[in-house]
């Protein structure tokens, strides 16, 4: 695990020296980070932070705004047409509540389905699926699954209302 963290830190350090105008190089470095080529429609605005990167999977037409943190040890799947706002944290890892086991890292997958928008400053916690066409409001802390076609917000995030599937 330590070797993978060092690898990710080296790649993200290079990625984070780039700008919006370096989209092709950002895609190339992100592809190296995740271990597979990302689609030409993928767009990420640095800086970006991760502890591993090799458990991240992204679809087509994915946009990741600046200053996002993805801790992917538990696995992170991002489907097509997803938009992720600035300062979003997607955290698949945590630690045991029991003090005697707290140094153990626990990973739980996160799935973000097609056409989701995660607004600025939201946090998604491991073990969660964000359903198709859902919107996660700015600053929300998502600790449970988000139903498709809903707007969620708050801490912990709760369904605010249904939205069109359009």
N, C-alpha and C. Protein backbone atom coordinates (compact mmCIF):
# COMPACT_ATOMS: atom_id res chain seq x y z
N UNK A 1 0.82 -1.19 0.00
CA UNK A 1 0.00 0.00 0.00
C UNK A 1 0.87 1.26 0.00
N UNK A 2 1.94 1.25 0.78
CA UNK A 2 2.82 2.41 0.87
C UNK A 2 3.44 2.74 -0.49
N UNK A 3 3.85 1.72 -1.22
CA UNK A 3 4.43 1.95 -2.56
C UNK A 3 3.41 2.60 -3.49
N UNK A 4 2.16 2.17 -3.39
CA UNK A 4 1.11 2.75 -4.24
C UNK A 4 0.84 4.21 -3.87
N UNK A 5 0.88 4.52 -2.59
CA UNK A 5 0.69 5.90 -2.14
C UNK A 5 1.83 6.77 -2.67
N UNK A 6 3.06 6.28 -2.60
CA UNK A 6 4.20 7.04 -3.11
C UNK A 6 4.06 7.26 -4.62
N UNK A 7 3.63 6.23 -5.34
CA UNK A 7 3.42 6.34 -6.79
C UNK A 7 2.37 7.41 -7.08
N UNK A 8 1.26 7.36 -6.36
CA UNK A 8 0.18 8.33 -6.56
C UNK A 8 0.65 9.75 -6.23
N UNK A 9 1.40 9.91 -5.17
CA UNK A 9 1.90 11.24 -4.80
C UNK A 9 2.82 11.80 -5.88
N UNK A 10 3.66 10.97 -6.47
CA UNK A 10 4.56 11.42 -7.53
C UNK A 10 3.78 11.86 -8.77
N UNK A 11 2.78 11.07 -9.15
CA UNK A 11 1.98 11.40 -10.34
C UNK A 11 1.15 12.66 -10.09
N UNK A 12 0.49 12.74 -8.93
CA UNK A 12 -0.35 13.92 -8.68
C UNK A 12 0.48 15.17 -8.51
N UNK A 13 1.70 15.07 -8.02
CA UNK A 13 2.57 16.24 -7.93
C UNK A 13 2.84 16.80 -9.33
N UNK A 14 3.07 15.92 -10.30
CA UNK A 14 3.27 16.37 -11.69
C UNK A 14 1.97 16.92 -12.27
N UNK A 15 0.87 16.23 -12.02
CA UNK A 15 -0.43 16.66 -12.53
C UNK A 15 -0.80 18.04 -11.98
N UNK A 16 -0.50 18.28 -10.72
CA UNK A 16 -0.91 19.52 -10.06
C UNK A 16 -0.07 20.74 -10.45
N UNK A 17 0.96 20.53 -11.25
CA UNK A 17 1.72 21.65 -11.80
C UNK A 17 1.11 22.13 -13.12
N UNK A 18 0.10 21.42 -13.62
CA UNK A 18 -0.51 21.74 -14.90
C UNK A 18 -1.67 22.71 -14.71
N UNK A 19 -2.16 23.24 -15.84
CA UNK A 19 -3.27 24.19 -15.81
C UNK A 19 -4.42 23.67 -16.67
N UNK A 20 -5.49 24.44 -16.69
CA UNK A 20 -6.66 24.10 -17.50
C UNK A 20 -6.28 23.91 -18.97
N UNK A 21 -5.30 24.68 -19.45
CA UNK A 21 -4.88 24.61 -20.86
C UNK A 21 -4.08 23.35 -21.19
N UNK A 22 -3.70 22.57 -20.18
CA UNK A 22 -2.91 21.35 -20.38
C UNK A 22 -3.78 20.10 -20.34
N UNK A 23 -4.99 20.16 -20.88
CA UNK A 23 -5.97 19.07 -20.76
C UNK A 23 -5.44 17.73 -21.25
N UNK A 24 -4.71 17.73 -22.37
CA UNK A 24 -4.19 16.46 -22.89
C UNK A 24 -3.18 15.84 -21.94
N UNK A 25 -2.30 16.65 -21.38
CA UNK A 25 -1.31 16.14 -20.44
C UNK A 25 -1.97 15.72 -19.13
N UNK A 26 -2.98 16.47 -18.69
CA UNK A 26 -3.74 16.06 -17.50
C UNK A 26 -4.36 14.69 -17.72
N UNK A 27 -4.98 14.49 -18.89
CA UNK A 27 -5.58 13.18 -19.21
C UNK A 27 -4.53 12.07 -19.22
N UNK A 28 -3.37 12.35 -19.78
CA UNK A 28 -2.31 11.35 -19.84
C UNK A 28 -1.84 10.96 -18.44
N UNK A 29 -1.62 11.95 -17.58
CA UNK A 29 -1.18 11.65 -16.21
C UNK A 29 -2.28 10.96 -15.41
N UNK A 30 -3.53 11.39 -15.60
CA UNK A 30 -4.63 10.74 -14.88
C UNK A 30 -4.75 9.28 -15.34
N UNK A 31 -4.58 9.04 -16.63
CA UNK A 31 -4.60 7.67 -17.16
C UNK A 31 -3.51 6.83 -16.51
N UNK A 32 -2.32 7.40 -16.36
CA UNK A 32 -1.22 6.70 -15.69
C UNK A 32 -1.59 6.42 -14.23
N UNK A 33 -2.21 7.40 -13.58
CA UNK A 33 -2.60 7.25 -12.18
C UNK A 33 -3.59 6.11 -11.99
N UNK A 34 -4.60 6.03 -12.85
CA UNK A 34 -5.66 5.02 -12.69
C UNK A 34 -5.32 3.69 -13.37
N UNK A 35 -4.25 3.67 -14.16
CA UNK A 35 -3.80 2.43 -14.77
C UNK A 35 -4.54 2.02 -16.03
N UNK A 36 -5.28 2.95 -16.62
CA UNK A 36 -5.98 2.67 -17.88
C UNK A 36 -6.27 4.01 -18.54
N UNK A 37 -6.35 4.01 -19.85
CA UNK A 37 -6.57 5.25 -20.58
C UNK A 37 -7.98 5.77 -20.34
N UNK A 38 -8.08 7.05 -20.01
CA UNK A 38 -9.39 7.68 -19.88
C UNK A 38 -9.82 8.23 -21.24
N UNK A 39 -11.10 8.37 -21.43
CA UNK A 39 -11.67 8.86 -22.68
C UNK A 39 -11.22 10.29 -22.96
N UNK A 40 -11.15 10.64 -24.23
CA UNK A 40 -10.75 11.99 -24.64
C UNK A 40 -11.71 13.06 -24.13
N UNK A 41 -12.93 12.67 -23.75
CA UNK A 41 -13.92 13.62 -23.23
C UNK A 41 -13.73 13.92 -21.74
N UNK A 42 -12.83 13.19 -21.08
CA UNK A 42 -12.56 13.39 -19.65
C UNK A 42 -11.87 14.74 -19.44
N UNK A 43 -12.33 15.50 -18.44
CA UNK A 43 -11.72 16.79 -18.13
C UNK A 43 -11.57 16.93 -16.62
N UNK A 44 -10.37 17.23 -16.18
CA UNK A 44 -10.06 17.46 -14.78
C UNK A 44 -9.27 18.76 -14.69
N UNK A 45 -9.67 19.62 -13.75
CA UNK A 45 -8.93 20.86 -13.51
C UNK A 45 -8.12 20.68 -12.23
N UNK A 46 -6.77 20.70 -12.32
CA UNK A 46 -5.95 20.55 -11.13
C UNK A 46 -6.14 21.73 -10.18
N UNK A 47 -5.80 21.55 -8.88
CA UNK A 47 -5.15 20.39 -8.32
C UNK A 47 -6.14 19.26 -8.00
N UNK A 48 -5.57 18.07 -7.85
CA UNK A 48 -6.32 16.85 -7.56
C UNK A 48 -5.49 16.02 -6.60
N UNK A 49 -6.17 15.35 -5.66
CA UNK A 49 -5.46 14.57 -4.64
C UNK A 49 -6.05 13.18 -4.52
N UNK A 50 -5.18 12.19 -4.33
CA UNK A 50 -5.62 10.82 -4.09
C UNK A 50 -4.54 10.09 -3.31
N UNK A 51 -4.94 9.02 -2.63
CA UNK A 51 -3.98 8.21 -1.89
C UNK A 51 -3.54 6.99 -2.68
N UNK A 52 -4.18 6.73 -3.81
CA UNK A 52 -3.83 5.54 -4.58
C UNK A 52 -4.02 5.74 -6.06
N UNK A 53 -5.28 5.88 -6.46
CA UNK A 53 -5.60 6.14 -7.86
C UNK A 53 -5.91 4.90 -8.67
N UNK A 54 -5.31 3.77 -8.33
CA UNK A 54 -5.49 2.58 -9.17
C UNK A 54 -6.84 1.89 -8.97
N UNK A 55 -7.63 2.35 -8.03
CA UNK A 55 -8.99 1.79 -7.83
C UNK A 55 -10.07 2.75 -8.35
N UNK A 56 -9.66 3.79 -9.07
CA UNK A 56 -10.60 4.75 -9.66
C UNK A 56 -10.92 4.32 -11.08
N UNK A 57 -12.20 4.28 -11.42
CA UNK A 57 -12.65 4.02 -12.79
C UNK A 57 -13.58 5.15 -13.19
N UNK A 58 -13.32 5.76 -14.36
CA UNK A 58 -14.16 6.86 -14.83
C UNK A 58 -14.67 6.55 -16.23
N UNK A 59 -15.90 6.97 -16.48
CA UNK A 59 -16.52 6.79 -17.79
C UNK A 59 -16.21 7.93 -18.72
N UNK A 60 -17.05 8.07 -19.72
CA UNK A 60 -16.91 9.13 -20.72
C UNK A 60 -17.60 10.41 -20.25
N UNK A 61 -17.08 11.52 -20.75
CA UNK A 61 -17.69 12.83 -20.49
C UNK A 61 -17.79 13.13 -18.99
N UNK A 62 -16.75 12.78 -18.26
CA UNK A 62 -16.67 13.06 -16.82
C UNK A 62 -15.88 14.34 -16.63
N UNK A 63 -16.42 15.23 -15.78
CA UNK A 63 -15.77 16.49 -15.45
C UNK A 63 -15.49 16.53 -13.96
N UNK A 64 -14.24 16.79 -13.59
CA UNK A 64 -13.83 16.91 -12.19
C UNK A 64 -13.20 18.29 -12.02
N UNK A 65 -13.85 19.12 -11.20
CA UNK A 65 -13.36 20.48 -10.98
C UNK A 65 -12.18 20.46 -10.02
N UNK A 66 -11.62 21.63 -9.77
CA UNK A 66 -10.38 21.72 -9.01
C UNK A 66 -10.53 21.41 -7.53
N UNK A 67 -9.39 20.97 -6.97
CA UNK A 67 -9.23 20.75 -5.54
C UNK A 67 -10.08 19.61 -4.99
N UNK A 68 -10.26 18.56 -5.79
CA UNK A 68 -11.00 17.38 -5.33
C UNK A 68 -10.04 16.35 -4.73
N UNK A 69 -10.55 15.57 -3.77
CA UNK A 69 -9.80 14.51 -3.12
C UNK A 69 -10.58 13.21 -3.26
N UNK A 70 -9.95 12.20 -3.86
CA UNK A 70 -10.56 10.88 -4.02
C UNK A 70 -9.67 9.86 -3.31
N UNK A 71 -10.14 9.31 -2.19
CA UNK A 71 -9.43 8.21 -1.54
C UNK A 71 -10.14 6.93 -1.97
N UNK A 72 -9.46 6.14 -2.78
CA UNK A 72 -10.11 5.10 -3.57
C UNK A 72 -9.79 3.67 -3.14
N UNK A 73 -9.20 3.45 -1.99
CA UNK A 73 -8.79 2.11 -1.57
C UNK A 73 -9.95 1.11 -1.66
N UNK A 74 -11.16 1.54 -1.35
CA UNK A 74 -12.31 0.65 -1.39
C UNK A 74 -12.91 0.48 -2.77
N UNK A 75 -12.43 1.23 -3.74
CA UNK A 75 -12.95 1.17 -5.11
C UNK A 75 -13.89 2.33 -5.39
N UNK A 76 -13.67 3.01 -6.50
CA UNK A 76 -14.49 4.16 -6.89
C UNK A 76 -14.84 4.05 -8.36
N UNK A 77 -16.12 3.90 -8.65
CA UNK A 77 -16.61 3.80 -10.03
C UNK A 77 -17.45 5.03 -10.34
N UNK A 78 -17.02 5.77 -11.37
CA UNK A 78 -17.72 6.98 -11.81
C UNK A 78 -18.20 6.73 -13.23
N UNK A 79 -19.51 6.75 -13.44
CA UNK A 79 -20.11 6.43 -14.73
C UNK A 79 -20.01 7.62 -15.69
N UNK A 80 -20.57 7.46 -16.87
CA UNK A 80 -20.58 8.50 -17.90
C UNK A 80 -21.37 9.72 -17.46
N UNK A 81 -20.96 10.88 -18.00
CA UNK A 81 -21.70 12.14 -17.88
C UNK A 81 -21.80 12.67 -16.46
N UNK A 82 -20.84 12.34 -15.62
CA UNK A 82 -20.83 12.81 -14.23
C UNK A 82 -20.08 14.14 -14.15
N UNK A 83 -20.62 15.07 -13.35
CA UNK A 83 -19.96 16.34 -13.07
C UNK A 83 -19.68 16.42 -11.57
N UNK A 84 -18.43 16.73 -11.24
CA UNK A 84 -18.02 16.82 -9.84
C UNK A 84 -17.46 18.23 -9.62
N UNK A 85 -18.08 18.96 -8.69
CA UNK A 85 -17.72 20.34 -8.42
C UNK A 85 -16.41 20.48 -7.66
N UNK A 86 -15.98 21.72 -7.43
CA UNK A 86 -14.73 21.96 -6.72
C UNK A 86 -14.83 21.54 -5.25
N UNK A 87 -13.70 21.18 -4.71
CA UNK A 87 -13.57 20.87 -3.27
C UNK A 87 -14.42 19.68 -2.84
N UNK A 88 -14.71 18.76 -3.73
CA UNK A 88 -15.46 17.55 -3.38
C UNK A 88 -14.50 16.50 -2.84
N UNK A 89 -14.92 15.81 -1.79
CA UNK A 89 -14.14 14.70 -1.23
C UNK A 89 -14.94 13.42 -1.39
N UNK A 90 -14.32 12.43 -2.01
CA UNK A 90 -14.93 11.11 -2.18
C UNK A 90 -14.00 10.14 -1.47
N UNK A 91 -14.48 9.62 -0.34
CA UNK A 91 -13.61 8.92 0.60
C UNK A 91 -14.12 7.49 0.81
N UNK A 92 -13.42 6.52 0.24
CA UNK A 92 -13.85 5.13 0.36
C UNK A 92 -13.26 4.45 1.59
N UNK A 93 -12.37 5.13 2.30
CA UNK A 93 -11.69 4.50 3.42
C UNK A 93 -12.06 5.15 4.75
N UNK A 94 -11.91 4.37 5.78
CA UNK A 94 -12.16 4.85 7.13
C UNK A 94 -11.42 3.96 8.11
N UNK A 95 -11.74 4.11 9.37
CA UNK A 95 -11.08 3.35 10.43
C UNK A 95 -12.15 2.81 11.38
N UNK A 96 -11.82 1.75 12.07
CA UNK A 96 -12.73 1.14 13.03
C UNK A 96 -13.01 2.09 14.19
N UNK A 97 -14.20 2.01 14.73
CA UNK A 97 -14.55 2.81 15.91
C UNK A 97 -13.86 2.29 17.16
N UNK A 98 -13.68 0.97 17.24
CA UNK A 98 -13.03 0.35 18.39
C UNK A 98 -11.57 0.84 18.46
N UNK A 99 -11.19 1.48 19.57
CA UNK A 99 -9.83 2.03 19.67
C UNK A 99 -8.73 0.99 19.45
N UNK A 100 -8.97 -0.26 19.84
CA UNK A 100 -7.94 -1.28 19.69
C UNK A 100 -7.73 -1.67 18.22
N UNK A 101 -8.68 -1.33 17.35
CA UNK A 101 -8.58 -1.67 15.93
C UNK A 101 -8.49 -0.43 15.04
N UNK A 102 -8.38 0.74 15.62
CA UNK A 102 -8.49 1.99 14.88
C UNK A 102 -7.40 2.19 13.83
N UNK A 103 -6.25 1.61 13.98
CA UNK A 103 -5.17 1.78 13.01
C UNK A 103 -5.40 0.95 11.75
N UNK A 104 -6.41 0.12 11.75
CA UNK A 104 -6.74 -0.68 10.58
C UNK A 104 -7.57 0.16 9.60
N UNK A 105 -7.17 0.16 8.34
CA UNK A 105 -7.90 0.89 7.31
C UNK A 105 -8.97 -0.01 6.72
N UNK A 106 -10.19 0.51 6.62
CA UNK A 106 -11.33 -0.22 6.08
C UNK A 106 -11.76 0.48 4.80
N UNK A 107 -11.87 -0.28 3.71
CA UNK A 107 -12.32 0.30 2.45
C UNK A 107 -13.70 -0.19 2.07
N UNK A 108 -14.56 0.73 1.65
CA UNK A 108 -15.90 0.39 1.17
C UNK A 108 -16.11 1.12 -0.15
N UNK A 109 -16.60 0.42 -1.18
CA UNK A 109 -16.71 1.03 -2.52
C UNK A 109 -17.73 2.17 -2.58
N UNK A 110 -17.49 3.05 -3.53
CA UNK A 110 -18.44 4.11 -3.87
C UNK A 110 -18.74 3.99 -5.35
N UNK A 111 -20.03 4.05 -5.69
CA UNK A 111 -20.47 4.01 -7.08
C UNK A 111 -21.24 5.29 -7.36
N UNK A 112 -20.84 5.99 -8.40
CA UNK A 112 -21.54 7.18 -8.85
C UNK A 112 -22.09 6.86 -10.23
N UNK A 113 -23.40 6.76 -10.32
CA UNK A 113 -24.04 6.33 -11.56
C UNK A 113 -24.14 7.46 -12.58
N UNK A 114 -24.63 7.15 -13.74
CA UNK A 114 -24.67 8.05 -14.90
C UNK A 114 -25.39 9.36 -14.62
N UNK A 115 -24.83 10.44 -15.16
CA UNK A 115 -25.45 11.76 -15.20
C UNK A 115 -25.69 12.37 -13.82
N UNK A 116 -24.80 12.07 -12.87
CA UNK A 116 -24.88 12.64 -11.52
C UNK A 116 -24.11 13.95 -11.51
N UNK A 117 -24.63 14.91 -10.72
CA UNK A 117 -23.91 16.16 -10.44
C UNK A 117 -23.66 16.21 -8.94
N UNK A 118 -22.39 16.29 -8.56
CA UNK A 118 -22.00 16.46 -7.16
C UNK A 118 -21.48 17.89 -7.04
N UNK A 119 -22.20 18.72 -6.30
CA UNK A 119 -21.91 20.14 -6.22
C UNK A 119 -20.75 20.43 -5.25
N UNK A 120 -20.30 21.66 -5.26
CA UNK A 120 -19.11 22.11 -4.54
C UNK A 120 -19.12 21.72 -3.06
N UNK A 121 -17.98 21.22 -2.62
CA UNK A 121 -17.77 20.97 -1.21
C UNK A 121 -18.49 19.77 -0.63
N UNK A 122 -19.13 18.96 -1.45
CA UNK A 122 -19.81 17.77 -0.94
C UNK A 122 -18.79 16.71 -0.53
N UNK A 123 -19.21 15.84 0.38
CA UNK A 123 -18.39 14.70 0.81
C UNK A 123 -19.22 13.44 0.64
N UNK A 124 -18.64 12.44 -0.01
CA UNK A 124 -19.28 11.13 -0.20
C UNK A 124 -18.46 10.12 0.60
N UNK A 125 -19.13 9.35 1.46
CA UNK A 125 -18.47 8.40 2.36
C UNK A 125 -18.60 6.98 1.79
N UNK A 126 -17.63 6.13 2.06
CA UNK A 126 -17.57 4.76 1.56
C UNK A 126 -18.83 3.95 1.81
N UNK A 127 -19.12 3.06 0.84
CA UNK A 127 -20.27 2.18 0.92
C UNK A 127 -21.52 2.75 0.29
N UNK A 128 -21.40 3.88 -0.39
CA UNK A 128 -22.55 4.61 -0.93
C UNK A 128 -22.63 4.46 -2.44
N UNK A 129 -23.87 4.37 -2.94
CA UNK A 129 -24.15 4.49 -4.37
C UNK A 129 -24.98 5.75 -4.57
N UNK A 130 -24.55 6.60 -5.51
CA UNK A 130 -25.32 7.78 -5.88
C UNK A 130 -26.02 7.43 -7.19
N UNK A 131 -27.36 7.37 -7.14
CA UNK A 131 -28.17 6.88 -8.25
C UNK A 131 -28.19 7.80 -9.47
N UNK A 132 -28.51 7.21 -10.59
CA UNK A 132 -28.55 7.90 -11.88
C UNK A 132 -29.36 9.19 -11.81
N UNK A 133 -28.82 10.24 -12.43
CA UNK A 133 -29.45 11.56 -12.55
C UNK A 133 -29.59 12.32 -11.23
N UNK A 134 -29.04 11.79 -10.15
CA UNK A 134 -29.16 12.46 -8.85
C UNK A 134 -28.27 13.70 -8.80
N UNK A 135 -28.63 14.62 -7.89
CA UNK A 135 -27.83 15.81 -7.60
C UNK A 135 -27.54 15.81 -6.11
N UNK A 136 -26.26 15.97 -5.78
CA UNK A 136 -25.82 16.11 -4.39
C UNK A 136 -25.53 17.59 -4.19
N UNK A 137 -26.29 18.23 -3.30
CA UNK A 137 -26.18 19.68 -3.08
C UNK A 137 -24.82 20.05 -2.50
N UNK A 138 -24.46 21.31 -2.70
CA UNK A 138 -23.20 21.83 -2.16
C UNK A 138 -23.13 21.61 -0.66
N UNK A 139 -21.98 21.13 -0.21
CA UNK A 139 -21.73 20.95 1.20
C UNK A 139 -22.37 19.72 1.83
N UNK A 140 -23.10 18.94 1.05
CA UNK A 140 -23.77 17.75 1.61
C UNK A 140 -22.75 16.71 2.05
N UNK A 141 -23.12 15.94 3.06
CA UNK A 141 -22.30 14.82 3.52
C UNK A 141 -23.14 13.56 3.31
N UNK A 142 -22.76 12.78 2.30
CA UNK A 142 -23.56 11.62 1.89
C UNK A 142 -23.04 10.38 2.60
N UNK A 143 -23.89 9.84 3.48
CA UNK A 143 -23.52 8.66 4.27
C UNK A 143 -24.37 7.44 3.93
N UNK A 144 -25.41 7.65 3.11
CA UNK A 144 -26.31 6.55 2.69
C UNK A 144 -26.54 6.66 1.20
N UNK A 145 -27.04 5.57 0.60
CA UNK A 145 -27.33 5.57 -0.82
C UNK A 145 -28.27 6.71 -1.20
N UNK A 146 -28.04 7.26 -2.39
CA UNK A 146 -28.87 8.33 -2.94
C UNK A 146 -29.74 7.72 -4.03
N UNK A 147 -31.07 7.80 -3.90
CA UNK A 147 -31.94 7.24 -4.94
C UNK A 147 -31.76 7.98 -6.27
N UNK A 148 -31.98 7.28 -7.38
CA UNK A 148 -31.93 7.96 -8.68
C UNK A 148 -32.94 9.11 -8.73
N UNK A 149 -32.63 10.11 -9.55
CA UNK A 149 -33.55 11.20 -9.83
C UNK A 149 -34.00 11.96 -8.59
N UNK A 150 -33.04 12.18 -7.66
CA UNK A 150 -33.37 12.95 -6.46
C UNK A 150 -32.30 14.00 -6.20
N UNK A 151 -32.69 15.04 -5.49
CA UNK A 151 -31.78 16.04 -4.96
C UNK A 151 -31.61 15.74 -3.48
N UNK A 152 -30.35 15.59 -3.04
CA UNK A 152 -30.08 15.37 -1.63
C UNK A 152 -29.20 16.51 -1.12
N UNK A 153 -29.34 16.82 0.17
CA UNK A 153 -28.52 17.85 0.78
C UNK A 153 -28.52 17.72 2.28
N UNK A 154 -27.61 18.44 2.91
CA UNK A 154 -27.52 18.46 4.36
C UNK A 154 -26.45 17.54 4.90
N UNK A 155 -26.39 17.49 6.26
CA UNK A 155 -25.42 16.65 6.95
C UNK A 155 -26.10 16.00 8.14
N UNK A 156 -26.39 14.70 8.04
CA UNK A 156 -26.18 13.83 6.88
C UNK A 156 -27.18 14.17 5.77
N UNK A 157 -26.79 13.87 4.53
CA UNK A 157 -27.63 14.19 3.38
C UNK A 157 -28.94 13.41 3.46
N UNK A 158 -30.02 14.13 3.11
CA UNK A 158 -31.36 13.53 3.05
C UNK A 158 -32.00 13.96 1.74
N UNK A 159 -32.97 13.18 1.28
CA UNK A 159 -33.67 13.54 0.05
C UNK A 159 -34.44 14.83 0.29
N UNK A 160 -34.21 15.81 -0.58
CA UNK A 160 -34.92 17.08 -0.52
C UNK A 160 -36.16 17.02 -1.40
N UNK A 161 -35.97 16.49 -2.62
CA UNK A 161 -37.11 16.33 -3.52
C UNK A 161 -36.70 15.53 -4.73
N UNK A 162 -37.69 14.97 -5.44
CA UNK A 162 -37.38 14.31 -6.71
C UNK A 162 -37.03 15.36 -7.77
N UNK A 163 -36.27 14.95 -8.77
CA UNK A 163 -35.96 15.81 -9.90
C UNK A 163 -36.28 15.06 -11.18
N UNK A 164 -36.43 15.80 -12.27
CA UNK A 164 -36.74 15.18 -13.56
C UNK A 164 -35.64 14.24 -14.01
N UNK A 165 -36.03 13.19 -14.72
CA UNK A 165 -35.08 12.20 -15.22
C UNK A 165 -34.48 12.64 -16.53
N UNK A 166 -34.92 13.79 -17.09
CA UNK A 166 -34.56 14.31 -18.38
C UNK A 166 -33.18 14.20 -18.77
